């Protein structure tokens, strides 16, 4: 058997590389979104580890310093390094967004599966609950719930999770209604498969794609909602380094310290933009037929 030259890739390695390349979006805007998301995740994970400053320790002798080499984004009204607080805020904001979106996804998918597959009065009862939640603007309902529960980051997460799962439920239910009469589902029933088996083996794999797209688009909305409620004083409380709280505390110094508002504001914009671009790319890749129809319209 002839030996393979050093450095030559096997067919398996080549196929593996092609699979990874197929995962990378081909659209330029999608690559921008993916780059923004990966950059924010990297900063959120590793940024606080390398920062030499503490995000909550005050140093009044260095308050409201303009950006410099020692403080690239300046300091706030209490002398805290703005860049350090942004990095810790990225970890907090992205973590909250992922946690809230995960709860929405699990609850909404479960409700949609039950409503769409069970049908009858179960479907009617669950969908009337969904319609009730969707009848109110999400941010207004979250504002009411957070106001009743009291100012707390946990209460904001609970409020955003409560008002957001209905969209997942409606999406999954519509997909299940179109799938439950398909041939492979009918064949599974005729073979005596249980409802649980049909849901796990046949329905869930076919609703994953649209749910993942909705979740990716939803993360940006959760980041924006968390920052908005914290800006109003219902979310994270000082000295927690959260982007919305940083906006609220810096608005009083807008004329003399522009970086206090611009820095967290730009981070929020980039995060929402990145996840929206990535979500649009996933929608185009996972639903090419629907995307083509939308382009024709």
C-alpha atoms as a PDB file:
ATOM      1  CA  UNK A   1       0.000   0.000   0.000  1.00  0.00           C
ATOM      2  CA  UNK A   2       1.450   3.375  -1.015  1.00  0.00           C
ATOM      3  CA  UNK A   3       1.849   5.882   1.742  1.00  0.00           C
ATOM      4  CA  UNK A   4      -0.044   9.149   1.494  1.00  0.00           C
ATOM      5  CA  UNK A   5       2.228  12.199   1.092  1.00  0.00           C
ATOM      6  CA  UNK A   6       2.684  14.321   4.174  1.00  0.00           C
ATOM      7  CA  UNK A   7       0.224  17.183   4.321  1.00  0.00           C
ATOM      8  CA  UNK A   8      -2.240  15.562   1.926  1.00  0.00           C
ATOM      9  CA  UNK A   9      -5.829  15.545   3.198  1.00  0.00           C
ATOM     10  CA  UNK A  10      -7.920  12.399   3.102  1.00  0.00           C
ATOM     11  CA  UNK A  11     -11.319  12.317   1.445  1.00  0.00           C
ATOM     12  CA  UNK A  12     -12.977  12.212   4.865  1.00  0.00           C
ATOM     13  CA  UNK A  13     -11.163  15.367   5.954  1.00  0.00           C
ATOM     14  CA  UNK A  14     -12.123  17.097   2.718  1.00  0.00           C
ATOM     15  CA  UNK A  15     -15.784  16.166   3.182  1.00  0.00           C
ATOM     16  CA  UNK A  16     -15.633  17.381   6.752  1.00  0.00           C
ATOM     17  CA  UNK A  17     -14.224  20.716   5.658  1.00  0.00           C
ATOM     18  CA  UNK A  18     -16.965  21.049   3.062  1.00  0.00           C
ATOM     19  CA  UNK A  19     -19.605  20.435   5.725  1.00  0.00           C
ATOM     20  CA  UNK A  20     -18.142  23.202   7.886  1.00  0.00           C
ATOM     21  CA  UNK A  21     -18.004  25.560   4.886  1.00  0.00           C
ATOM     22  CA  UNK A  22     -21.669  24.868   4.167  1.00  0.00           C
ATOM     23  CA  UNK A  23     -22.524  25.968   7.698  1.00  0.00           C
ATOM     24  CA  UNK A  24     -20.858  29.357   7.125  1.00  0.00           C
ATOM     25  CA  UNK A  25     -23.393  31.737   5.532  1.00  0.00           C
ATOM     26  CA  UNK A  26     -22.593  32.713   1.966  1.00  0.00           C
ATOM     27  CA  UNK A  27     -24.413  36.042   2.082  1.00  0.00           C
ATOM     28  CA  UNK A  28     -22.224  39.015   3.003  1.00  0.00           C
ATOM     29  CA  UNK A  29     -24.721  40.508   5.460  1.00  0.00           C
ATOM     30  CA  UNK A  30     -25.141  37.105   7.084  1.00  0.00           C
ATOM     31  CA  UNK A  31     -21.387  36.883   7.573  1.00  0.00           C
ATOM     32  CA  UNK A  32     -21.431  40.323   9.135  1.00  0.00           C
ATOM     33  CA  UNK A  33     -24.146  39.198  11.539  1.00  0.00           C
ATOM     34  CA  UNK A  34     -22.276  36.009  12.386  1.00  0.00           C
ATOM     35  CA  UNK A  35     -19.091  37.993  12.960  1.00  0.00           C
ATOM     36  CA  UNK A  36     -20.866  40.422  15.278  1.00  0.00           C
ATOM     37  CA  UNK A  37     -22.454  37.611  17.290  1.00  0.00           C
ATOM     38  CA  UNK A  38     -19.194  35.658  17.591  1.00  0.00           C
ATOM     39  CA  UNK A  39     -17.342  38.830  18.540  1.00  0.00           C
ATOM     40  CA  UNK A  40     -19.821  39.696  21.277  1.00  0.00           C
ATOM     41  CA  UNK A  41     -19.765  36.138  22.608  1.00  0.00           C
ATOM     42  CA  UNK A  42     -15.964  36.171  22.691  1.00  0.00           C
ATOM     43  CA  UNK A  43     -15.887  39.486  24.546  1.00  0.00           C
ATOM     44  CA  UNK A  44     -18.568  38.310  26.968  1.00  0.00           C
ATOM     45  CA  UNK A  45     -16.719  35.082  27.778  1.00  0.00           C
ATOM     46  CA  UNK A  46     -13.093  36.222  27.872  1.00  0.00           C
ATOM     47  CA  UNK A  47     -13.300  40.001  28.259  1.00  0.00           C
ATOM     48  CA  UNK A  48     -14.013  40.132  32.014  1.00  0.00           C
ATOM     49  CA  UNK A  49     -11.138  37.698  32.621  1.00  0.00           C
ATOM     50  CA  UNK A  50      -8.489  39.980  31.117  1.00  0.00           C
ATOM     51  CA  UNK A  51      -9.820  43.323  32.319  1.00  0.00           C
ATOM     52  CA  UNK A  52      -7.617  44.786  35.095  1.00  0.00           C
ATOM     53  CA  UNK A  53     -10.473  46.727  36.693  1.00  0.00           C
ATOM     54  CA  UNK A  54     -13.406  45.764  38.864  1.00  0.00           C
ATOM     55  CA  UNK A  55     -16.822  46.665  37.401  1.00  0.00           C
ATOM     56  CA  UNK A  56     -18.327  47.936  40.680  1.00  0.00           C
ATOM     57  CA  UNK A  57     -15.366  49.363  42.631  1.00  0.00           C
ATOM     58  CA  UNK A  58     -15.601  53.168  42.807  1.00  0.00           C
ATOM     59  CA  UNK A  59     -12.669  55.552  42.312  1.00  0.00           C
ATOM     60  CA  UNK A  60     -13.960  59.110  42.700  1.00  0.00           C
ATOM     61  CA  UNK A  61     -10.533  60.574  41.956  1.00  0.00           C
ATOM     62  CA  UNK A  62     -10.884  59.349  38.339  1.00  0.00           C
ATOM     63  CA  UNK A  63     -14.545  60.174  37.774  1.00  0.00           C
ATOM     64  CA  UNK A  64     -15.707  61.207  34.281  1.00  0.00           C
ATOM     65  CA  UNK A  65     -12.292  60.764  32.692  1.00  0.00           C
ATOM     66  CA  UNK A  66     -12.349  60.914  28.916  1.00  0.00           C
ATOM     67  CA  UNK A  67     -11.146  57.906  26.875  1.00  0.00           C
ATOM     68  CA  UNK A  68      -7.426  57.271  27.238  1.00  0.00           C
ATOM     69  CA  UNK A  69      -4.892  54.443  27.061  1.00  0.00           C
ATOM     70  CA  UNK A  70      -5.585  53.402  30.648  1.00  0.00           C
ATOM     71  CA  UNK A  71      -9.355  53.702  30.169  1.00  0.00           C
ATOM     72  CA  UNK A  72     -10.138  53.143  26.447  1.00  0.00           C
ATOM     73  CA  UNK A  73     -13.804  54.104  26.900  1.00  0.00           C
ATOM     74  CA  UNK A  74     -13.323  56.503  29.806  1.00  0.00           C
ATOM     75  CA  UNK A  75     -14.778  56.287  33.295  1.00  0.00           C
ATOM     76  CA  UNK A  76     -18.258  56.952  34.638  1.00  0.00           C
ATOM     77  CA  UNK A  77     -19.522  59.341  37.300  1.00  0.00           C
ATOM     78  CA  UNK A  78     -18.169  57.063  40.040  1.00  0.00           C
ATOM     79  CA  UNK A  79     -14.766  56.477  38.479  1.00  0.00           C
ATOM     80  CA  UNK A  80     -15.479  52.971  37.216  1.00  0.00           C
ATOM     81  CA  UNK A  81     -13.958  51.810  33.934  1.00  0.00           C
ATOM     82  CA  UNK A  82     -16.675  51.894  31.259  1.00  0.00           C
ATOM     83  CA  UNK A  83     -15.070  49.215  29.073  1.00  0.00           C
ATOM     84  CA  UNK A  84     -14.910  46.781  31.992  1.00  0.00           C
ATOM     85  CA  UNK A  85     -18.551  47.395  32.806  1.00  0.00           C
ATOM     86  CA  UNK A  86     -19.472  46.891  29.150  1.00  0.00           C
ATOM     87  CA  UNK A  87     -17.700  43.532  29.052  1.00  0.00           C
ATOM     88  CA  UNK A  88     -19.441  42.346  32.211  1.00  0.00           C
ATOM     89  CA  UNK A  89     -22.687  43.765  30.855  1.00  0.00           C
ATOM     90  CA  UNK A  90     -22.245  41.765  27.650  1.00  0.00           C
ATOM     91  CA  UNK A  91     -21.971  38.562  29.651  1.00  0.00           C
ATOM     92  CA  UNK A  92     -25.055  39.513  31.670  1.00  0.00           C
ATOM     93  CA  UNK A  93     -27.185  40.720  28.758  1.00  0.00           C
ATOM     94  CA  UNK A  94     -26.355  37.813  26.447  1.00  0.00           C
ATOM     95  CA  UNK A  95     -26.822  35.306  29.256  1.00  0.00           C
ATOM     96  CA  UNK A  96     -30.245  36.732  30.088  1.00  0.00           C
ATOM     97  CA  UNK A  97     -31.237  36.753  26.416  1.00  0.00           C
ATOM     98  CA  UNK A  98     -30.264  33.109  25.936  1.00  0.00           C
ATOM     99  CA  UNK A  99     -31.996  32.033  29.166  1.00  0.00           C
ATOM    100  CA  UNK A 100     -35.232  33.886  28.423  1.00  0.00           C
ATOM    101  CA  UNK A 101     -35.298  32.697  24.809  1.00  0.00           C
ATOM    102  CA  UNK A 102     -34.707  29.107  25.935  1.00  0.00           C
ATOM    103  CA  UNK A 103     -37.677  29.272  28.315  1.00  0.00           C
ATOM    104  CA  UNK A 104     -39.855  30.781  25.608  1.00  0.00           C
ATOM    105  CA  UNK A 105     -38.786  28.107  23.136  1.00  0.00           C
ATOM    106  CA  UNK A 106     -39.393  25.153  25.483  1.00  0.00           C
ATOM    107  CA  UNK A 107     -42.755  26.370  26.802  1.00  0.00           C
ATOM    108  CA  UNK A 108     -44.047  27.587  23.447  1.00  0.00           C
ATOM    109  CA  UNK A 109     -42.966  24.444  21.589  1.00  0.00           C
ATOM    110  CA  UNK A 110     -44.588  22.193  24.186  1.00  0.00           C
ATOM    111  CA  UNK A 111     -47.861  24.130  24.080  1.00  0.00           C
ATOM    112  CA  UNK A 112     -47.866  24.203  20.278  1.00  0.00           C
ATOM    113  CA  UNK A 113     -47.215  20.465  20.015  1.00  0.00           C
ATOM    114  CA  UNK A 114     -49.999  19.622  22.447  1.00  0.00           C
ATOM    115  CA  UNK A 115     -52.481  22.018  20.851  1.00  0.00           C
ATOM    116  CA  UNK A 116     -51.747  21.010  17.277  1.00  0.00           C
ATOM    117  CA  UNK A 117     -51.640  17.239  17.796  1.00  0.00           C
ATOM    118  CA  UNK A 118     -54.403  16.846  20.400  1.00  0.00           C
ATOM    119  CA  UNK A 119     -56.900  19.158  18.717  1.00  0.00           C
ATOM    120  CA  UNK A 120     -60.464  19.533  20.017  1.00  0.00           C
ATOM    121  CA  UNK A 121     -61.139  21.441  23.212  1.00  0.00           C
ATOM    122  CA  UNK A 122     -57.478  21.247  24.237  1.00  0.00           C
ATOM    123  CA  UNK A 123     -56.478  23.132  21.115  1.00  0.00           C
ATOM    124  CA  UNK A 124     -59.241  25.687  21.612  1.00  0.00           C
ATOM    125  CA  UNK A 125     -58.351  26.356  25.250  1.00  0.00           C
ATOM    126  CA  UNK A 126     -54.618  26.722  24.630  1.00  0.00           C
ATOM    127  CA  UNK A 127     -55.054  28.898  21.545  1.00  0.00           C
ATOM    128  CA  UNK A 128     -57.448  31.241  23.349  1.00  0.00           C
ATOM    129  CA  UNK A 129     -54.744  31.717  25.977  1.00  0.00           C
ATOM    130  CA  UNK A 130     -52.231  32.388  23.230  1.00  0.00           C
ATOM    131  CA  UNK A 131     -54.579  34.875  21.554  1.00  0.00           C
ATOM    132  CA  UNK A 132     -55.041  36.675  24.867  1.00  0.00           C
ATOM    133  CA  UNK A 133     -51.290  37.105  25.299  1.00  0.00           C
ATOM    134  CA  UNK A 134     -50.797  38.205  21.700  1.00  0.00           C
ATOM    135  CA  UNK A 135     -53.591  40.772  22.009  1.00  0.00           C
ATOM    136  CA  UNK A 136     -51.349  42.951  24.193  1.00  0.00           C
ATOM    137  CA  UNK A 137     -48.093  44.566  23.035  1.00  0.00           C
ATOM    138  CA  UNK A 138     -45.321  42.410  24.464  1.00  0.00           C
ATOM    139  CA  UNK A 139     -43.255  45.204  25.990  1.00  0.00           C
ATOM    140  CA  UNK A 140     -46.338  46.777  27.612  1.00  0.00           C
ATOM    141  CA  UNK A 141     -47.406  43.481  29.173  1.00  0.00           C
ATOM    142  CA  UNK A 142     -43.823  42.844  30.344  1.00  0.00           C
ATOM    143  CA  UNK A 143     -43.760  46.333  31.837  1.00  0.00           C
ATOM    144  CA  UNK A 144     -46.953  45.639  33.773  1.00  0.00           C
ATOM    145  CA  UNK A 145     -45.743  42.262  35.057  1.00  0.00           C
ATOM    146  CA  UNK A 146     -42.339  43.638  36.059  1.00  0.00           C
ATOM    147  CA  UNK A 147     -44.006  46.594  37.763  1.00  0.00           C
ATOM    148  CA  UNK A 148     -46.255  44.305  39.789  1.00  0.00           C
ATOM    149  CA  UNK A 149     -43.453  41.939  40.785  1.00  0.00           C
ATOM    150  CA  UNK A 150     -41.051  44.755  41.647  1.00  0.00           C
ATOM    151  CA  UNK A 151     -37.711  45.979  40.274  1.00  0.00           C
ATOM    152  CA  UNK A 152     -35.422  43.004  39.882  1.00  0.00           C
ATOM    153  CA  UNK A 153     -33.472  41.376  37.089  1.00  0.00           C
ATOM    154  CA  UNK A 154     -35.074  38.012  37.872  1.00  0.00           C
ATOM    155  CA  UNK A 155     -38.545  39.564  37.653  1.00  0.00           C
ATOM    156  CA  UNK A 156     -37.678  41.112  34.289  1.00  0.00           C
ATOM    157  CA  UNK A 157     -36.546  37.719  32.999  1.00  0.00           C
ATOM    158  CA  UNK A 158     -39.795  36.175  34.236  1.00  0.00           C
ATOM    159  CA  UNK A 159     -41.888  38.928  32.650  1.00  0.00           C
ATOM    160  CA  UNK A 160     -40.152  38.638  29.280  1.00  0.00           C
ATOM    161  CA  UNK A 161     -40.443  34.845  29.329  1.00  0.00           C
ATOM    162  CA  UNK A 162     -44.167  34.986  30.123  1.00  0.00           C
ATOM    163  CA  UNK A 163     -45.040  37.355  27.284  1.00  0.00           C
ATOM    164  CA  UNK A 164     -42.872  35.740  24.606  1.00  0.00           C
ATOM    165  CA  UNK A 165     -43.737  32.046  24.435  1.00  0.00           C
ATOM    166  CA  UNK A 166     -47.050  32.585  22.639  1.00  0.00           C
ATOM    167  CA  UNK A 167     -45.371  33.259  19.290  1.00  0.00           C
ATOM    168  CA  UNK A 168     -43.556  29.928  19.470  1.00  0.00           C
ATOM    169  CA  UNK A 169     -46.787  28.129  20.353  1.00  0.00           C
ATOM    170  CA  UNK A 170     -48.644  29.542  17.370  1.00  0.00           C
ATOM    171  CA  UNK A 171     -45.783  28.775  14.983  1.00  0.00           C
ATOM    172  CA  UNK A 172     -45.363  25.181  16.185  1.00  0.00           C
ATOM    173  CA  UNK A 173     -49.118  24.547  16.181  1.00  0.00           C
ATOM    174  CA  UNK A 174     -49.417  25.665  12.537  1.00  0.00           C
ATOM    175  CA  UNK A 175     -46.573  23.343  11.554  1.00  0.00           C
ATOM    176  CA  UNK A 176     -48.043  20.404  13.487  1.00  0.00           C
ATOM    177  CA  UNK A 177     -51.472  20.910  11.876  1.00  0.00           C
ATOM    178  CA  UNK A 178     -49.842  20.568   8.459  1.00  0.00           C
ATOM    179  CA  UNK A 179     -47.727  17.570   9.500  1.00  0.00           C
ATOM    180  CA  UNK A 180     -50.172  15.392  11.398  1.00  0.00           C
ATOM    181  CA  UNK A 181     -52.035  14.400   8.216  1.00  0.00           C
ATOM    182  CA  UNK A 182     -48.887  13.593   6.259  1.00  0.00           C
ATOM    183  CA  UNK A 183     -48.202  10.057   5.087  1.00  0.00           C
ATOM    184  CA  UNK A 184     -45.338   9.299   7.473  1.00  0.00           C
ATOM    185  CA  UNK A 185     -47.419  10.339  10.500  1.00  0.00           C
ATOM    186  CA  UNK A 186     -50.369   8.274   9.290  1.00  0.00           C
ATOM    187  CA  UNK A 187     -48.090   5.285   8.726  1.00  0.00           C
ATOM    188  CA  UNK A 188     -46.710   5.593  12.263  1.00  0.00           C
ATOM    189  CA  UNK A 189     -50.248   5.576  13.652  1.00  0.00           C
ATOM    190  CA  UNK A 190     -51.204   2.499  11.601  1.00  0.00           C
ATOM    191  CA  UNK A 191     -48.139   0.719  12.977  1.00  0.00           C
ATOM    192  CA  UNK A 192     -49.476   1.296  16.463  1.00  0.00           C
ATOM    193  CA  UNK A 193     -46.927   3.881  17.541  1.00  0.00           C
ATOM    194  CA  UNK A 194     -47.853   5.873  20.618  1.00  0.00           C
ATOM    195  CA  UNK A 195     -48.543   9.601  20.505  1.00  0.00           C
ATOM    196  CA  UNK A 196     -45.338  10.268  22.371  1.00  0.00           C
ATOM    197  CA  UNK A 197     -43.367   8.301  19.787  1.00  0.00           C
ATOM    198  CA  UNK A 198     -45.015  10.183  16.908  1.00  0.00           C
ATOM    199  CA  UNK A 199     -44.334  13.571  18.506  1.00  0.00           C
ATOM    200  CA  UNK A 200     -40.694  12.838  19.375  1.00  0.00           C
ATOM    201  CA  UNK A 201     -39.690  10.938  16.221  1.00  0.00           C
ATOM    202  CA  UNK A 202     -41.755  12.666  13.541  1.00  0.00           C
ATOM    203  CA  UNK A 203     -43.124  16.040  14.635  1.00  0.00           C
ATOM    204  CA  UNK A 204     -40.341  17.624  16.680  1.00  0.00           C
ATOM    205  CA  UNK A 205     -37.600  17.095  14.019  1.00  0.00           C
ATOM    206  CA  UNK A 206     -39.811  18.835  11.458  1.00  0.00           C
ATOM    207  CA  UNK A 207     -40.535  21.916  13.593  1.00  0.00           C
ATOM    208  CA  UNK A 208     -36.968  22.506  14.772  1.00  0.00           C
ATOM    209  CA  UNK A 209     -35.905  24.633  11.778  1.00  0.00           C
ATOM    210  CA  UNK A 210     -38.553  27.406  12.028  1.00  0.00           C
ATOM    211  CA  UNK A 211     -38.285  27.422  15.820  1.00  0.00           C
ATOM    212  CA  UNK A 212     -34.504  27.933  15.669  1.00  0.00           C
ATOM    213  CA  UNK A 213     -34.972  30.808  13.222  1.00  0.00           C
ATOM    214  CA  UNK A 214     -37.552  32.454  15.472  1.00  0.00           C
ATOM    215  CA  UNK A 215     -35.329  31.979  18.519  1.00  0.00           C
ATOM    216  CA  UNK A 216     -32.347  33.588  16.781  1.00  0.00           C
ATOM    217  CA  UNK A 217     -34.424  36.598  15.801  1.00  0.00           C
ATOM    218  CA  UNK A 218     -35.959  36.670  19.272  1.00  0.00           C
ATOM    219  CA  UNK A 219     -32.655  37.017  21.120  1.00  0.00           C
ATOM    220  CA  UNK A 220     -32.171  40.543  19.808  1.00  0.00           C
ATOM    221  CA  UNK A 221     -35.655  41.495  20.977  1.00  0.00           C
ATOM    222  CA  UNK A 222     -34.983  40.093  24.441  1.00  0.00           C
ATOM    223  CA  UNK A 223     -31.750  42.088  24.700  1.00  0.00           C
ATOM    224  CA  UNK A 224     -33.637  45.225  23.709  1.00  0.00           C
ATOM    225  CA  UNK A 225     -36.491  44.475  26.122  1.00  0.00           C
ATOM    226  CA  UNK A 226     -34.157  43.792  29.033  1.00  0.00           C
ATOM    227  CA  UNK A 227     -32.247  47.010  28.393  1.00  0.00           C
ATOM    228  CA  UNK A 228     -35.486  48.984  28.079  1.00  0.00           C
ATOM    229  CA  UNK A 229     -36.954  47.716  31.338  1.00  0.00           C
ATOM    230  CA  UNK A 230     -33.638  48.267  33.132  1.00  0.00           C
ATOM    231  CA  UNK A 231     -33.498  51.786  31.700  1.00  0.00           C
ATOM    232  CA  UNK A 232     -36.911  52.430  33.281  1.00  0.00           C
ATOM    233  CA  UNK A 233     -35.641  51.161  36.634  1.00  0.00           C
ATOM    234  CA  UNK A 234     -37.493  47.842  36.649  1.00  0.00           C
ATOM    235  CA  UNK A 235     -34.577  45.562  35.791  1.00  0.00           C
ATOM    236  CA  UNK A 236     -31.008  45.428  37.008  1.00  0.00           C
ATOM    237  CA  UNK A 237     -30.300  47.778  39.884  1.00  0.00           C
ATOM    238  CA  UNK A 238     -27.069  49.738  40.429  1.00  0.00           C
ATOM    239  CA  UNK A 239     -24.235  48.921  40.649  1.00  0.00           C
ATOM    240  CA  UNK A 240     -24.992  45.917  38.393  1.00  0.00           C
ATOM    241  CA  UNK A 241     -23.165  46.483  35.061  1.00  0.00           C
ATOM    242  CA  UNK A 242     -26.108  46.002  32.698  1.00  0.00           C
ATOM    243  CA  UNK A 243     -26.350  47.921  29.421  1.00  0.00           C
ATOM    244  CA  UNK A 244     -29.784  49.422  30.106  1.00  0.00           C
ATOM    245  CA  UNK A 245     -28.779  50.482  33.607  1.00  0.00           C
ATOM    246  CA  UNK A 246     -25.612  52.069  32.222  1.00  0.00           C
ATOM    247  CA  UNK A 247     -27.735  54.057  29.771  1.00  0.00           C
ATOM    248  CA  UNK A 248     -30.017  55.242  32.551  1.00  0.00           C
ATOM    249  CA  UNK A 249     -27.182  56.343  34.822  1.00  0.00           C
ATOM    250  CA  UNK A 250     -25.253  58.047  32.023  1.00  0.00           C
ATOM    251  CA  UNK A 251     -28.071  60.134  30.540  1.00  0.00           C
ATOM    252  CA  UNK A 252     -27.597  62.815  33.202  1.00  0.00           C
ATOM    253  CA  UNK A 253     -24.012  63.365  32.022  1.00  0.00           C
ATOM    254  CA  UNK A 254     -24.663  63.325  28.296  1.00  0.00           C
ATOM    255  CA  UNK A 255     -23.163  66.749  27.581  1.00  0.00           C
ATOM    256  CA  UNK A 256     -20.012  66.392  29.638  1.00  0.00           C
ATOM    257  CA  UNK A 257     -19.391  62.635  29.175  1.00  0.00           C
ATOM    258  CA  UNK A 258     -20.841  61.463  25.851  1.00  0.00           C
ATOM    259  CA  UNK A 259     -19.196  58.031  26.135  1.00  0.00           C
ATOM    260  CA  UNK A 260     -21.394  57.000  29.061  1.00  0.00           C
ATOM    261  CA  UNK A 261     -24.434  56.740  26.802  1.00  0.00           C
ATOM    262  CA  UNK A 262     -22.862  56.042  23.424  1.00  0.00           C
ATOM    263  CA  UNK A 263     -20.855  53.009  24.531  1.00  0.00           C
ATOM    264  CA  UNK A 264     -23.743  50.869  25.879  1.00  0.00           C
ATOM    265  CA  UNK A 265     -26.070  52.190  23.180  1.00  0.00           C
ATOM    266  CA  UNK A 266     -23.734  51.027  20.410  1.00  0.00           C
ATOM    267  CA  UNK A 267     -23.383  47.631  22.103  1.00  0.00           C
ATOM    268  CA  UNK A 268     -27.166  47.195  22.170  1.00  0.00           C
ATOM    269  CA  UNK A 269     -27.460  48.217  18.515  1.00  0.00           C
ATOM    270  CA  UNK A 270     -24.713  45.816  17.436  1.00  0.00           C
ATOM    271  CA  UNK A 271     -26.178  42.918  19.407  1.00  0.00           C
ATOM    272  CA  UNK A 272     -29.676  43.362  17.973  1.00  0.00           C
ATOM    273  CA  UNK A 273     -28.305  43.904  14.454  1.00  0.00           C
ATOM    274  CA  UNK A 274     -26.058  40.846  14.630  1.00  0.00           C
ATOM    275  CA  UNK A 275     -28.761  38.441  15.771  1.00  0.00           C
ATOM    276  CA  UNK A 276     -31.275  39.846  13.272  1.00  0.00           C
ATOM    277  CA  UNK A 277     -28.866  39.398  10.349  1.00  0.00           C
ATOM    278  CA  UNK A 278     -28.002  35.900  11.534  1.00  0.00           C
ATOM    279  CA  UNK A 279     -31.673  35.003  11.947  1.00  0.00           C
ATOM    280  CA  UNK A 280     -32.486  36.234   8.439  1.00  0.00           C
ATOM    281  CA  UNK A 281     -29.660  34.096   7.057  1.00  0.00           C
ATOM    282  CA  UNK A 282     -30.890  30.999   8.888  1.00  0.00           C
ATOM    283  CA  UNK A 283     -34.407  31.620   7.601  1.00  0.00           C
ATOM    284  CA  UNK A 284     -33.135  31.832   4.022  1.00  0.00           C
ATOM    285  CA  UNK A 285     -31.042  28.651   4.364  1.00  0.00           C
ATOM    286  CA  UNK A 286     -33.594  26.538   6.244  1.00  0.00           C
ATOM    287  CA  UNK A 287     -36.632  27.700   4.264  1.00  0.00           C
ATOM    288  CA  UNK A 288     -35.403  28.329   0.699  1.00  0.00           C
ATOM    289  CA  UNK A 289     -38.870  27.870  -0.833  1.00  0.00           C
ATOM    290  CA  UNK A 290     -40.457  30.406   1.480  1.00  0.00           C
ATOM    291  CA  UNK A 291     -37.613  32.855   0.868  1.00  0.00           C
ATOM    292  CA  UNK A 292     -38.011  32.505  -2.909  1.00  0.00           C
ATOM    293  CA  UNK A 293     -41.726  33.192  -2.644  1.00  0.00           C
ATOM    294  CA  UNK A 294     -41.085  36.269  -0.523  1.00  0.00           C
ATOM    295  CA  UNK A 295     -38.590  37.576  -3.104  1.00  0.00           C
ATOM    296  CA  UNK A 296     -41.159  37.138  -5.868  1.00  0.00           C
ATOM    297  CA  UNK A 297     -43.663  39.166  -3.876  1.00  0.00           C
END
